Amino acid sequence: MRDDFEPLELVALAFVTGGRQTHSPKQIDPQLAQGVSQLAQVLQGVGQKLAQAKSDSSAQTGQMMQQMMQAKSGR
C-alpha cells in the first residue's frame, strides 16, 4: 500500500538547495565554539603524546638493533 505525500510549500523551500540550507546562522553559539576549541586542544595533546610515544619506541628499537649488531660482530 502506497502512502501519499503532502507537498511542501514553496516558502518552506526558499533557502534549500540540494538538501542543504543556503544561509548560515547569524552567530555561532559561544558554548559550541568553546567546546570545539577544547576538543581541538585535547586532540592536539593526544597527537603530541602519540608522536612522542612513536619516537621513543623507534629510538628503543634502534638501540636494540645496534646492540644486536654489535654483539653479532663481536663474536
C-alpha atoms as a PDB file:
ATOM      1  CA  MET A   1       0.000   0.000   0.000  1.00  0.00           C
ATOM      2  CA  ARG A   2       1.435   3.380  -1.018  1.00  0.00           C
ATOM      3  CA  ASP A   3       1.195   6.409   1.271  1.00  0.00           C
ATOM      4  CA  ASP A   4       0.594   9.735  -0.439  1.00  0.00           C
ATOM      5  CA  PHE A   5       2.994  12.507   0.468  1.00  0.00           C
ATOM      6  CA  GLU A   6       1.835  16.023   1.194  1.00  0.00           C
ATOM      7  CA  PRO A   7       3.563  18.618  -0.993  1.00  0.00           C
ATOM      8  CA  LEU A   8       5.816  21.177   0.671  1.00  0.00           C
ATOM      9  CA  GLU A   9       5.039  24.849   0.360  1.00  0.00           C
ATOM     10  CA  LEU A  10       7.457  26.839  -1.800  1.00  0.00           C
ATOM     11  CA  VAL A  11       8.104  29.239   1.086  1.00  0.00           C
ATOM     12  CA  ALA A  12       9.499  26.340   3.131  1.00  0.00           C
ATOM     13  CA  LEU A  13      11.889  25.530   0.271  1.00  0.00           C
ATOM     14  CA  ALA A  14      13.021  29.094  -0.444  1.00  0.00           C
ATOM     15  CA  PHE A  15      16.501  28.679   1.073  1.00  0.00           C
ATOM     16  CA  VAL A  16      17.039  24.998   0.298  1.00  0.00           C
ATOM     17  CA  THR A  17      19.487  23.930  -2.396  1.00  0.00           C
ATOM     18  CA  GLY A  18      20.466  20.318  -2.830  1.00  0.00           C
ATOM     19  CA  GLY A  19      19.023  19.384   0.538  1.00  0.00           C
ATOM     20  CA  ARG A  20      21.022  21.980   2.452  1.00  0.00           C
ATOM     21  CA  GLN A  21      20.199  25.443   3.653  1.00  0.00           C
ATOM     22  CA  THR A  22      21.982  28.186   1.730  1.00  0.00           C
ATOM     23  CA  HIS A  23      22.175  30.604   4.651  1.00  0.00           C
ATOM     24  CA  SER A  24      24.080  30.144   7.863  1.00  0.00           C
ATOM     25  CA  PRO A  25      23.159  31.224  11.365  1.00  0.00           C
ATOM     26  CA  LYS A  26      23.843  34.862  12.195  1.00  0.00           C
ATOM     27  CA  GLN A  27      26.100  33.948  15.105  1.00  0.00           C
ATOM     28  CA  ILE A  28      27.780  30.770  16.314  1.00  0.00           C
ATOM     29  CA  ASP A  29      26.703  29.587  19.750  1.00  0.00           C
ATOM     30  CA  PRO A  30      29.523  30.570  22.172  1.00  0.00           C
ATOM     31  CA  GLN A  31      29.240  27.256  24.037  1.00  0.00           C
ATOM     32  CA  LEU A  32      29.645  25.366  20.766  1.00  0.00           C
ATOM     33  CA  ALA A  33      32.692  27.443  19.830  1.00  0.00           C
ATOM     34  CA  GLN A  34      34.235  26.838  23.262  1.00  0.00           C
ATOM     35  CA  GLY A  35      33.535  23.104  23.011  1.00  0.00           C
ATOM     36  CA  VAL A  36      35.167  22.897  19.584  1.00  0.00           C
ATOM     37  CA  SER A  37      38.185  24.802  20.910  1.00  0.00           C
ATOM     38  CA  GLN A  38      38.539  22.453  23.882  1.00  0.00           C
ATOM     39  CA  LEU A  39      38.202  19.426  21.616  1.00  0.00           C
ATOM     40  CA  ALA A  40      40.930  20.792  19.350  1.00  0.00           C
ATOM     41  CA  GLN A  41      43.253  21.258  22.348  1.00  0.00           C
ATOM     42  CA  VAL A  42      42.607  17.710  23.561  1.00  0.00           C
ATOM     43  CA  LEU A  43      43.236  16.266  20.107  1.00  0.00           C
ATOM     44  CA  GLN A  44      46.444  18.262  19.782  1.00  0.00           C
ATOM     45  CA  GLY A  45      47.648  16.894  23.132  1.00  0.00           C
ATOM     46  CA  VAL A  46      46.790  13.328  22.117  1.00  0.00           C
ATOM     47  CA  GLY A  47      48.638  13.785  18.828  1.00  0.00           C
ATOM     48  CA  GLN A  48      51.734  15.091  20.598  1.00  0.00           C
ATOM     49  CA  LYS A  49      51.731  12.206  23.074  1.00  0.00           C
ATOM     50  CA  LEU A  50      51.305   9.705  20.248  1.00  0.00           C
ATOM     51  CA  ALA A  51      54.178  11.250  18.303  1.00  0.00           C
ATOM     52  CA  GLN A  52      56.401  11.146  21.400  1.00  0.00           C
ATOM     53  CA  ALA A  53      55.488   7.520  22.090  1.00  0.00           C
ATOM     54  CA  LYS A  54      56.313   6.557  18.499  1.00  0.00           C
ATOM     55  CA  SER A  55      59.594   8.434  18.698  1.00  0.00           C
ATOM     56  CA  ASP A  56      60.529   6.711  21.965  1.00  0.00           C
ATOM     57  CA  SER A  57      59.605   3.318  20.521  1.00  0.00           C
ATOM     58  CA  SER A  58      61.679   3.927  17.392  1.00  0.00           C
ATOM     59  CA  ALA A  59      64.652   5.007  19.498  1.00  0.00           C
ATOM     60  CA  GLN A  60      64.399   1.873  21.650  1.00  0.00           C
ATOM     61  CA  THR A  61      64.136  -0.325  18.573  1.00  0.00           C
ATOM     62  CA  GLY A  62      67.174   1.396  17.054  1.00  0.00           C
ATOM     63  CA  GLN A  63      69.206   0.891  20.224  1.00  0.00           C
ATOM     64  CA  MET A  64      68.230  -2.764  20.385  1.00  0.00           C
ATOM     65  CA  MET A  65      69.193  -3.301  16.745  1.00  0.00           C
ATOM     66  CA  GLN A  66      72.526  -1.562  17.321  1.00  0.00           C
ATOM     67  CA  GLN A  67      73.256  -3.761  20.350  1.00  0.00           C
ATOM     68  CA  MET A  68      72.366  -6.886  18.381  1.00  0.00           C
ATOM     69  CA  MET A  69      74.667  -5.849  15.520  1.00  0.00           C
ATOM     70  CA  GLN A  70      77.488  -5.108  17.934  1.00  0.00           C
ATOM     71  CA  ALA A  71      77.021  -8.441  19.673  1.00  0.00           C
ATOM     72  CA  LYS A  72      76.968 -10.241  16.329  1.00  0.00           C
ATOM     73  CA  SER A  73      80.135  -8.502  15.067  1.00  0.00           C
ATOM     74  CA  GLY A  74      81.896  -9.047  18.412  1.00  0.00           C
ATOM     75  CA  ARG A  75      81.883 -12.824  18.051  1.00  0.00           C
END
